[in-house]
Protein backbone atom coordinates (compact mmCIF):
# COMPACT_ATOMS: atom_id res chain seq x y z
CA UNK A 1 341.90 34.43 -83.45
CA UNK A 2 342.76 35.22 -79.18
CA UNK A 3 343.11 32.56 -76.56
CA UNK A 4 341.30 31.85 -74.04
CA UNK A 5 342.10 34.24 -70.82
CA UNK A 6 342.80 31.59 -68.47
CA UNK A 7 343.64 28.41 -70.41
CA UNK A 8 345.33 30.39 -73.47
CA UNK A 9 343.50 27.68 -76.58
CA UNK A 10 342.56 29.59 -79.20
CA UNK A 11 338.95 30.39 -79.77
CA UNK A 12 337.88 29.88 -82.89
CA UNK A 13 335.02 33.18 -83.24
CA UNK A 14 334.99 33.54 -86.77
CA UNK A 15 334.89 29.90 -88.02
CA UNK A 16 332.12 29.72 -85.85
CA UNK A 17 330.45 33.39 -87.10
CA UNK A 18 330.28 31.90 -90.39
CA UNK A 19 328.64 28.89 -89.58
CA UNK A 20 325.72 29.96 -86.98
CA UNK A 21 325.16 32.22 -89.57
CA UNK A 22 324.53 30.00 -92.36
CA UNK A 23 322.47 27.54 -90.29
CA UNK A 24 320.31 31.03 -89.21
CA UNK A 25 320.50 31.76 -92.86
CA UNK A 26 318.37 28.05 -93.48
CA UNK A 27 315.98 28.48 -90.79
CA UNK A 28 314.95 31.20 -91.98
CA UNK A 29 314.59 30.19 -95.65
CA UNK A 30 312.74 26.95 -93.88
CA UNK A 31 310.57 28.74 -91.78
CA UNK A 32 309.32 30.80 -94.79
CA UNK A 33 309.22 27.38 -96.67
CA UNK A 34 306.91 25.94 -93.93
CA UNK A 35 304.65 29.47 -93.25
CA UNK A 36 304.15 29.35 -97.10
CA UNK A 37 302.80 25.95 -96.58
CA UNK A 38 300.59 26.19 -93.66
CA UNK A 39 298.97 29.43 -95.12
CA UNK A 40 298.71 28.72 -98.70
CA UNK A 41 294.76 28.86 -99.34
CA UNK A 42 294.41 26.50 -102.54
CA UNK A 43 291.99 24.14 -101.90
CA UNK A 44 292.52 19.74 -101.45
CA UNK A 45 292.90 18.57 -105.40
CA UNK A 46 289.31 17.35 -105.07
CA UNK A 47 287.78 20.24 -104.09
CA UNK A 48 288.81 21.99 -107.04
CA UNK A 49 287.61 19.41 -108.95
CA UNK A 50 284.14 19.38 -107.50
CA UNK A 51 282.80 21.13 -110.44
CA UNK A 52 283.85 18.76 -113.09
CA UNK A 53 282.24 15.82 -110.89
CA UNK A 54 278.91 18.01 -110.47
CA UNK A 55 279.22 19.08 -114.39
CA UNK A 56 279.12 15.25 -115.86
CA UNK A 57 275.59 14.39 -113.92
CA UNK A 58 274.33 17.83 -113.83
CA UNK A 59 272.41 16.71 -117.47
CA UNK A 60 270.84 13.75 -115.60
CA UNK A 61 268.12 12.75 -113.27
CA UNK A 62 267.82 15.47 -110.55
CA UNK A 63 268.16 12.63 -108.42
CA UNK A 64 271.00 11.27 -109.52
CA UNK A 65 273.14 14.88 -109.17
CA UNK A 66 271.78 15.01 -105.46
CA UNK A 67 273.33 11.33 -105.11
CA UNK A 68 276.65 12.58 -106.47
CA UNK A 69 276.78 15.79 -104.16
CA UNK A 70 275.52 13.56 -100.94
CA UNK A 71 278.46 11.29 -101.75
CA UNK A 72 280.85 13.82 -101.92
CA UNK A 73 279.68 15.68 -98.51
CA UNK A 74 280.22 12.60 -96.71
CA UNK A 75 283.55 11.03 -98.59
CA UNK A 76 285.22 14.76 -97.67
CA UNK A 77 283.32 15.95 -95.17
CA UNK A 78 282.28 18.76 -97.24
CA UNK A 79 279.27 20.79 -96.78
CA UNK A 80 277.95 21.76 -100.71
CA UNK A 81 274.85 24.65 -102.22
CA UNK A 82 274.60 25.15 -106.06
CA UNK A 83 272.85 28.52 -106.38
CA UNK A 84 271.14 29.78 -109.38
CA UNK A 85 273.10 33.41 -110.45
CA UNK A 86 269.78 35.34 -108.64
CA UNK A 87 271.13 33.20 -105.44
CA UNK A 88 268.04 31.30 -105.15
CA UNK A 89 268.96 27.24 -103.60
CA UNK A 90 269.44 24.50 -105.97
CA UNK A 91 270.52 22.03 -103.96
CA UNK A 92 272.56 21.62 -100.91
CA UNK A 93 274.36 18.48 -98.76
CA UNK A 94 276.23 18.64 -95.56
CA UNK A 95 274.83 20.04 -92.38
CA UNK A 96 276.08 22.90 -92.66
CA UNK A 97 275.03 24.03 -96.57
CA UNK A 98 277.33 27.99 -97.01
CA UNK A 99 275.60 30.78 -97.76
CA UNK A 100 274.99 31.87 -101.21
CA UNK A 101 277.88 34.65 -102.54
CA UNK A 102 276.75 38.55 -102.15
CA UNK A 103 275.08 39.76 -105.38
CA UNK A 104 278.35 41.94 -106.90
CA UNK A 105 280.50 38.89 -105.80
CA UNK A 106 278.32 36.35 -107.77
CA UNK A 107 278.11 39.09 -110.17
CA UNK A 108 281.96 38.71 -110.86
CA UNK A 109 281.96 35.13 -110.96
CA UNK A 110 279.69 34.76 -113.66
CA UNK A 111 281.71 37.61 -115.37
CA UNK A 112 284.98 35.71 -115.42
CA UNK A 113 286.16 36.82 -112.37
CA UNK A 114 287.19 35.32 -109.42
CA UNK A 115 285.25 36.22 -105.82
CA UNK A 116 286.84 35.82 -102.36
CA UNK A 117 287.87 32.83 -101.48
CA UNK A 118 290.05 30.72 -98.79
CA UNK A 119 289.81 28.30 -96.71
CA UNK A 120 287.42 26.65 -95.51
CA UNK A 121 285.13 28.15 -98.45
CA UNK A 122 285.29 27.76 -101.98
CA UNK A 123 282.99 29.30 -105.15
CA UNK A 124 282.97 27.93 -108.66
CA UNK A 125 280.93 28.15 -111.74
CA UNK A 126 278.90 25.77 -113.22
CA UNK A 127 278.82 24.73 -116.60
CA UNK A 128 275.43 22.73 -117.28
CA UNK A 129 274.10 24.46 -120.25
CA UNK A 130 270.02 24.96 -120.01
CA UNK A 131 270.06 22.61 -117.05
CA UNK A 132 271.85 24.39 -114.20
CA UNK A 133 272.47 28.23 -114.62
CA UNK A 134 274.67 29.38 -111.71
CA UNK A 135 277.99 27.97 -109.11
CA UNK A 136 278.58 26.01 -106.73
CA UNK A 137 279.73 26.77 -103.11
CA UNK A 138 281.83 23.68 -101.42
CA UNK A 139 282.99 24.77 -97.44
CA UNK A 140 285.13 21.76 -95.81
CA UNK A 141 287.25 21.24 -92.57
CA UNK A 142 290.52 21.15 -94.61
CA UNK A 143 294.57 21.88 -92.27
CA UNK A 144 297.40 21.30 -93.90
CA UNK A 145 299.23 18.28 -91.69
CA UNK A 146 302.42 19.42 -89.90
CA UNK A 147 304.41 16.60 -90.70
CA UNK A 148 305.29 16.64 -93.96
CA UNK A 149 306.33 20.34 -93.64
CA UNK A 150 308.27 19.46 -90.26
CA UNK A 151 309.96 16.36 -92.33
CA UNK A 152 311.25 18.79 -95.34
CA UNK A 153 312.27 21.17 -93.14
CA UNK A 154 314.46 19.40 -91.21
CA UNK A 155 315.87 17.69 -94.25
CA UNK A 156 316.99 20.99 -95.73
CA UNK A 157 318.13 22.20 -92.75
CA UNK A 158 320.50 18.50 -91.96
CA UNK A 159 321.74 19.36 -95.73
CA UNK A 160 323.00 22.60 -95.67
CA UNK A 161 324.13 22.21 -92.39
CA UNK A 162 326.37 19.84 -93.93
CA UNK A 163 327.11 21.96 -96.72
CA UNK A 164 328.36 24.78 -94.84
CA UNK A 165 330.10 22.97 -92.26
CA UNK A 166 333.56 22.92 -95.31
CA UNK A 167 332.19 26.14 -96.13
CA UNK A 168 333.00 27.62 -93.01
CA UNK A 169 336.18 26.11 -92.60
CA UNK A 170 337.38 26.72 -96.12
CA UNK A 171 337.21 30.52 -94.91
CA UNK A 172 338.27 30.21 -91.03
CA UNK A 173 341.26 27.92 -91.21
CA UNK A 174 343.72 30.02 -93.82
CA UNK A 175 342.99 33.63 -91.25
CA UNK A 176 342.98 30.74 -87.97
CA UNK A 177 346.84 30.46 -89.72
CA UNK A 178 347.24 33.92 -90.51
CA UNK A 179 346.73 34.94 -87.21
CA UNK A 180 348.54 32.17 -85.72
CA UNK A 181 351.81 32.80 -87.61
CA UNK A 182 351.15 36.84 -86.73
CA UNK A 183 351.21 35.57 -82.70
CA UNK A 184 354.45 34.04 -83.71
CA UNK A 185 356.25 36.83 -85.08
CA UNK A 186 355.30 38.90 -82.08
CA UNK A 187 356.60 36.34 -80.47
CA UNK A 188 360.10 36.57 -81.84
CA UNK A 189 359.98 34.22 -84.36
CA UNK A 190 360.74 35.70 -87.83
CA UNK A 191 360.96 32.77 -89.77
CA UNK A 192 356.85 32.18 -89.40
CA UNK A 193 355.32 31.65 -92.83
CA UNK A 194 351.70 31.05 -93.03
CA UNK A 195 352.53 29.14 -96.45
CA UNK A 196 349.47 29.62 -97.80
CA UNK A 197 348.93 30.19 -101.67
CA UNK A 198 345.58 31.06 -103.64
CA UNK A 199 344.62 33.92 -106.09
CA UNK A 200 341.28 34.86 -104.08
CA UNK A 201 341.84 37.56 -101.42
CA UNK A 202 342.82 35.90 -98.59
CA UNK A 203 345.48 33.79 -100.63
CA UNK A 204 346.85 37.54 -101.68
CA UNK A 205 346.80 38.29 -98.16
CA UNK A 206 348.06 35.70 -96.80
CA UNK A 207 351.53 36.19 -99.47
CA UNK A 208 351.34 39.85 -98.60
CA UNK A 209 351.84 39.01 -94.88
CA UNK A 210 354.70 36.23 -95.81
CA UNK A 211 356.34 39.05 -97.69
CA UNK A 212 356.24 41.61 -95.19
CA UNK A 213 357.22 38.85 -92.75
CA UNK A 214 360.30 38.06 -95.10
CA UNK A 215 361.17 41.62 -95.32
CA UNK A 216 361.36 41.55 -91.82
CA UNK A 217 363.44 39.48 -91.12
CA UNK A 218 366.12 40.40 -93.41
CA UNK A 219 365.75 44.44 -92.10
CA UNK A 220 366.75 42.13 -88.68
CA UNK A 221 369.43 40.17 -89.74
CA UNK A 222 370.63 43.37 -91.53
CA UNK A 223 370.74 45.23 -88.38
CA UNK A 224 372.66 42.06 -86.56
CA UNK A 225 374.88 42.03 -89.65
CA UNK A 226 375.58 45.83 -89.02
CA UNK A 227 375.67 45.72 -85.46
CA UNK A 228 378.43 42.95 -85.35
CA UNK A 229 380.53 44.11 -88.48
CA UNK A 230 380.58 47.90 -87.08
CA UNK A 231 381.50 46.41 -83.84
CA UNK A 232 384.26 44.47 -85.62
CA UNK A 233 385.34 47.45 -87.91
CA UNK A 234 385.54 49.85 -84.91
CA UNK A 235 387.57 48.08 -83.09
CA UNK A 236 390.63 47.64 -85.04
CA UNK A 237 390.85 51.40 -85.44
CA UNK A 238 390.17 52.28 -81.74
CA UNK A 239 392.88 50.06 -80.96
CA UNK A 240 395.00 51.27 -83.41
CA UNK A 241 394.62 54.48 -81.90
CA UNK A 242 394.92 53.48 -78.02
CA UNK A 243 398.25 52.10 -78.91
CA UNK A 244 399.89 55.39 -80.69
CA UNK A 245 398.58 56.91 -77.81
CA UNK A 246 400.18 54.99 -75.50
CA UNK A 247 403.44 54.84 -77.31
CA UNK A 248 402.76 58.81 -77.44
CA UNK A 249 403.06 59.28 -73.99
CA UNK A 250 405.98 57.56 -73.69
CA UNK A 251 409.15 59.73 -71.56
CA UNK A 252 411.64 58.75 -74.17
CA UNK A 253 409.62 58.78 -77.55
CA UNK A 254 410.97 61.32 -80.49
CA UNK A 255 409.63 63.98 -82.92
CA UNK A 256 409.90 61.77 -85.61
CA UNK A 257 408.28 59.00 -83.42
CA UNK A 258 405.37 60.81 -82.24
CA UNK A 259 404.63 62.42 -86.06
CA UNK A 260 404.09 58.68 -87.09
CA UNK A 261 402.07 57.96 -84.17
CA UNK A 262 399.56 60.83 -84.81
CA UNK A 263 399.73 59.63 -88.60
CA UNK A 264 398.67 56.85 -88.02
CA UNK A 265 395.65 58.05 -85.67
CA UNK A 266 394.80 60.34 -88.72
CA UNK A 267 394.28 57.28 -91.40
CA UNK A 268 392.56 55.86 -88.75
CA UNK A 269 389.75 58.28 -87.54
CA UNK A 270 389.87 58.52 -91.08
CA UNK A 271 388.56 55.47 -91.77
CA UNK A 272 386.16 55.55 -88.93
CA UNK A 273 385.03 58.88 -90.65
CA UNK A 274 384.46 56.34 -93.65
CA UNK A 275 382.52 53.83 -92.28
CA UNK A 276 380.34 56.21 -90.37
CA UNK A 277 379.42 58.09 -93.49
CA UNK A 278 378.76 55.20 -95.24
CA UNK A 279 376.15 53.98 -92.31
CA UNK A 280 374.59 57.28 -91.99
CA UNK A 281 373.91 57.83 -96.10
CA UNK A 282 372.50 53.82 -96.52
CA UNK A 283 370.46 55.02 -93.88
CA UNK A 284 369.32 57.93 -95.67
CA UNK A 285 368.52 56.64 -99.14
CA UNK A 286 366.26 54.41 -97.07
CA UNK A 287 364.39 57.19 -95.70
CA UNK A 288 364.57 59.03 -99.07
CA UNK A 289 362.72 56.04 -100.67
CA UNK A 290 360.46 54.62 -98.19
CA UNK A 291 359.15 58.35 -97.86
CA UNK A 292 360.11 60.99 -100.37
CA UNK A 293 358.73 63.55 -97.97
CA UNK A 294 361.42 63.26 -95.87
CA UNK A 295 362.98 66.79 -95.06
CA UNK A 296 366.17 65.61 -93.41
CA UNK A 297 368.15 64.36 -96.69
CA UNK A 298 367.47 65.22 -100.23
CA UNK A 299 369.72 65.14 -103.46
CA UNK A 300 371.78 68.09 -104.71
CA UNK A 301 371.08 67.56 -108.51
CA UNK A 302 372.58 69.67 -111.40
CA UNK A 303 374.25 68.66 -115.34
CA UNK A 304 377.10 66.67 -114.58
CA UNK A 305 379.54 66.51 -117.81
CA UNK A 306 380.57 62.90 -117.52
CA UNK A 307 384.18 63.47 -119.00
CA UNK A 308 385.31 65.52 -116.13
CA UNK A 309 383.01 62.77 -113.55
CA UNK A 310 385.70 60.05 -115.14
CA UNK A 311 388.85 62.34 -114.88
CA UNK A 312 388.56 63.35 -111.60
CA UNK A 313 387.51 59.29 -110.95
CA UNK A 314 390.82 58.40 -112.48
CA UNK A 315 392.94 60.96 -110.19
CA UNK A 316 391.53 60.02 -106.97
CA UNK A 317 391.75 56.36 -108.06
CA UNK A 318 395.68 57.02 -109.18
CA UNK A 319 396.20 58.71 -106.18
CA UNK A 320 394.80 55.55 -103.63
CA UNK A 321 396.19 52.80 -106.17
CA UNK A 322 399.01 53.85 -107.69
CA UNK A 323 400.07 50.27 -108.31
CA UNK A 324 397.43 49.56 -110.78
CA UNK A 325 396.79 50.09 -114.36
CA UNK A 326 393.30 52.49 -115.12
CA UNK A 327 392.22 52.63 -118.62
CA UNK A 328 389.55 55.63 -119.55
CA UNK A 329 387.96 55.56 -122.36
CA UNK A 330 384.74 58.09 -123.13
CA UNK A 331 382.69 58.76 -125.50
CA UNK A 332 382.74 61.80 -127.57
CA UNK A 333 380.21 64.46 -127.14
CA UNK A 334 378.70 62.62 -124.07
CA UNK A 335 375.58 64.91 -123.47
CA UNK A 336 375.39 65.79 -119.19
CA UNK A 337 373.45 64.16 -117.24
CA UNK A 338 371.09 65.37 -114.03
CA UNK A 339 372.58 64.03 -111.25
CA UNK A 340 374.20 64.55 -107.83
CA UNK A 341 378.00 65.05 -108.29
CA UNK A 342 379.04 63.84 -104.72
CA UNK A 343 376.89 60.94 -104.92
CA UNK A 344 378.19 59.71 -108.64
CA UNK A 345 381.84 60.50 -107.20
CA UNK A 346 381.07 58.36 -104.58
CA UNK A 347 379.40 55.22 -107.27
CA UNK A 348 382.44 55.89 -109.44
CA UNK A 349 384.80 55.65 -105.94
CA UNK A 350 382.98 52.79 -104.61
CA UNK A 351 383.06 50.88 -107.99
CA UNK A 352 386.96 51.35 -108.94
CA UNK A 353 388.08 50.96 -105.53
CA UNK A 354 386.14 47.30 -105.21
CA UNK A 355 387.98 46.24 -108.86
CA UNK A 356 391.59 47.19 -107.17
CA UNK A 357 390.59 45.09 -104.15
CA UNK A 358 389.66 41.76 -105.93
CA UNK A 359 392.85 42.14 -108.85
CA UNK A 360 396.45 42.28 -108.87
CA UNK A 361 398.54 44.92 -109.87
CA UNK A 362 399.26 43.41 -113.19
CA UNK A 363 395.89 43.38 -114.43
CA UNK A 364 394.26 46.23 -115.81
CA UNK A 365 391.15 48.12 -115.12
CA UNK A 366 388.93 49.16 -116.96
CA UNK A 367 386.13 52.60 -117.01
CA UNK A 368 384.55 53.47 -119.80
CA UNK A 369 381.36 55.55 -120.69
CA UNK A 370 379.94 55.68 -123.42
CA UNK A 371 376.29 56.29 -125.07
CA UNK A 372 373.46 53.49 -126.09
CA UNK A 373 370.40 55.23 -127.72
CA UNK A 374 368.14 57.06 -124.80
CA UNK A 375 370.71 55.50 -122.34
CA UNK A 376 374.14 56.69 -120.18
CA UNK A 377 376.38 53.49 -119.79
CA UNK A 378 378.88 53.57 -117.48
CA UNK A 379 381.15 50.15 -117.30
CA UNK A 380 384.21 48.78 -114.50
CA UNK A 381 385.63 45.85 -115.67
CA UNK A 382 388.92 44.29 -113.62
CA UNK A 383 390.36 40.60 -114.68
CA UNK A 384 390.39 39.71 -111.05
CA UNK A 385 388.60 36.39 -109.02
CA UNK A 386 385.48 37.46 -110.46
CA UNK A 387 381.82 36.75 -108.56
CA UNK A 388 380.16 33.16 -108.43
CA UNK A 389 377.20 32.83 -109.81
CA UNK A 390 375.37 32.48 -107.21
CA UNK A 391 376.19 35.80 -105.18
CA UNK A 392 376.31 38.29 -108.46
CA UNK A 393 372.97 39.49 -107.18
CA UNK A 394 373.51 39.03 -103.79
CA UNK A 395 376.62 41.09 -103.91
CA UNK A 396 374.43 44.48 -104.12
CA UNK A 397 373.04 43.97 -101.01
CA UNK A 398 373.70 45.71 -97.33
CA UNK A 399 376.26 44.15 -95.28
CA UNK A 400 376.89 40.89 -98.52
CA UNK A 401 380.19 40.27 -98.62
CA UNK A 402 381.49 36.65 -99.77
CA UNK A 403 383.95 34.43 -98.45
CA UNK A 404 386.73 35.32 -99.72
CA UNK A 405 386.00 39.51 -99.58
CA UNK A 406 386.12 39.04 -95.53
CA UNK A 407 389.55 38.61 -95.81
CA UNK A 408 391.56 41.13 -94.18
CA UNK A 409 392.96 42.45 -97.04
CA UNK A 410 389.84 44.07 -98.75
CA UNK A 411 388.14 44.25 -95.67
CA UNK A 412 385.38 47.11 -95.89
CA UNK A 413 381.84 46.61 -94.28
CA UNK A 414 379.76 44.61 -97.57
CA UNK A 415 378.37 48.86 -97.74
CA UNK A 416 379.52 50.05 -101.07
CA UNK A 417 377.75 48.03 -104.18
CA UNK A 418 374.74 48.33 -101.70
CA UNK A 419 375.49 52.34 -101.89
CA UNK A 420 376.36 51.95 -105.00
CA UNK A 421 373.07 50.37 -106.41
CA UNK A 422 370.31 52.34 -103.95
CA UNK A 423 372.20 55.76 -105.37
CA UNK A 424 371.98 54.66 -109.11
CA UNK A 425 367.69 53.83 -108.81
CA UNK A 426 367.63 56.82 -107.06
CA UNK A 427 368.49 58.51 -110.15
CA UNK A 428 366.25 56.31 -112.20
CA UNK A 429 368.62 53.67 -113.22
CA UNK A 430 369.60 50.33 -113.13
CA UNK A 431 373.34 48.67 -112.60
CA UNK A 432 374.31 44.55 -112.76
CA UNK A 433 377.46 42.37 -112.04
CA UNK A 434 378.22 40.49 -115.53
CA UNK A 435 380.76 37.71 -115.73
CA UNK A 436 383.25 38.47 -117.76
CA UNK A 437 383.86 36.71 -120.33
CA UNK A 438 387.84 36.42 -119.97
CA UNK A 439 388.01 36.89 -116.27
CA UNK A 440 386.59 39.02 -113.05
CA UNK A 441 383.64 41.28 -113.40
CA UNK A 442 382.07 43.47 -115.50
CA UNK A 443 380.16 46.13 -113.73
CA UNK A 444 377.59 47.80 -115.63
CA UNK A 445 375.15 51.22 -114.87
CA UNK A 446 372.16 52.05 -117.53
CA UNK A 447 371.11 56.16 -116.59
CA UNK A 448 368.52 57.58 -119.13
CA UNK A 449 369.70 60.90 -119.83
CA UNK A 450 365.86 62.49 -119.50
CA UNK A 451 365.31 61.07 -116.36
CA UNK A 452 364.82 64.50 -114.52
CA UNK A 453 364.98 63.73 -110.27
CA UNK A 454 361.74 65.01 -108.69
CA UNK A 455 361.63 68.81 -107.02
CA UNK A 456 361.62 67.64 -103.57
CA UNK A 457 364.72 66.10 -103.90
CA UNK A 458 366.88 68.64 -105.99
CA UNK A 459 368.55 71.27 -103.90
CA UNK A 460 371.30 73.25 -105.64
CA UNK A 461 374.57 72.26 -105.54
CA UNK A 462 376.13 75.17 -103.39
CA UNK A 463 373.94 73.99 -100.10
CA UNK A 464 375.90 70.98 -99.44
């Protein structure tokens, strides 16, 4: 539905197109009906029964039969002739008696066939035993009255016009609403929705459109959150770096002080590097999931020993969180999985860091890796503050953080768990946050052993 170039008002082209097509269909049907009635070659009922009227009197005296055909001729403005089969005239009535049939047509009529007929003449055989052996021919000036046909056509046209009106509106109104919603989205109103529900084609189209609009709104909201969070997170280390550089410029700064400032700058740069690395990894994983042919990023998969993976993760955790206790448990005879080592190292590091941020040092953190049927199960359990039920699924959304997580003690952009989900899903697994019956949260990863990453995603590990 487009707007008028001057007034800006919508023009309901689809509605009128559907409605006019329906009316044209009605007109075509009405015209066909009228033509069929106008060119109908059937005789009026009285003329079709002339032979029966004549047969009723043909056995009586000739004078009575003549009186009968004269009365019929006068009453219905009809010319009547009775002929024998050889073409000789038996009796006539009317000013212009019709001529006999040609011999071949008379013979066809006698043997049971039908001669060429049509207004204004009809030939009908007589069955009068031995009195009259022949046929009667009648001609008349019959024309159908146009008024019954006209009234019928108008009645049918009006009825169908009324029926087609709600039908056209039923089809056109959802399309108009979809078009109006699309125009609102184009003007920047990303909360616009069609609100149309249905199982037909238009309902499915509207539902798909609303889903697209919702995804678009989430994407734009995520981009705004990304810019806001990145600007906030970058500002703090940059401010510390600037302050450290200013302190290094002081003339009375000693060597030890300069070393301390440089060490602080190194930590701030590492924080900036981690931040940018997380953002770039999220973007690359989004490209891989949306387009398998994207050549700029691919998984480097190889057989990965889970016990070695757990030991390395525990070592990194103890180096970073020395005051915390980590209990590691790995089932014996665990088969390797085909995975990207760097990606899965990031998954374990993010889950363990998340558990440490929301736990007290006195509460132990558990890392368990085991086998259940045909799946590998990785669990990280903490006894911290836990996650509210309404946020247990949302913690995997990019840039989502609970109110508590926004405190200065935890920090972060809210990308860690989102990265974990994308990496696990890329390897054919699933991750979920489960409420710990005791306290805290349990993060569980289920990963199939027989999952094979497509060849387009696999590169040798040495290519990293």
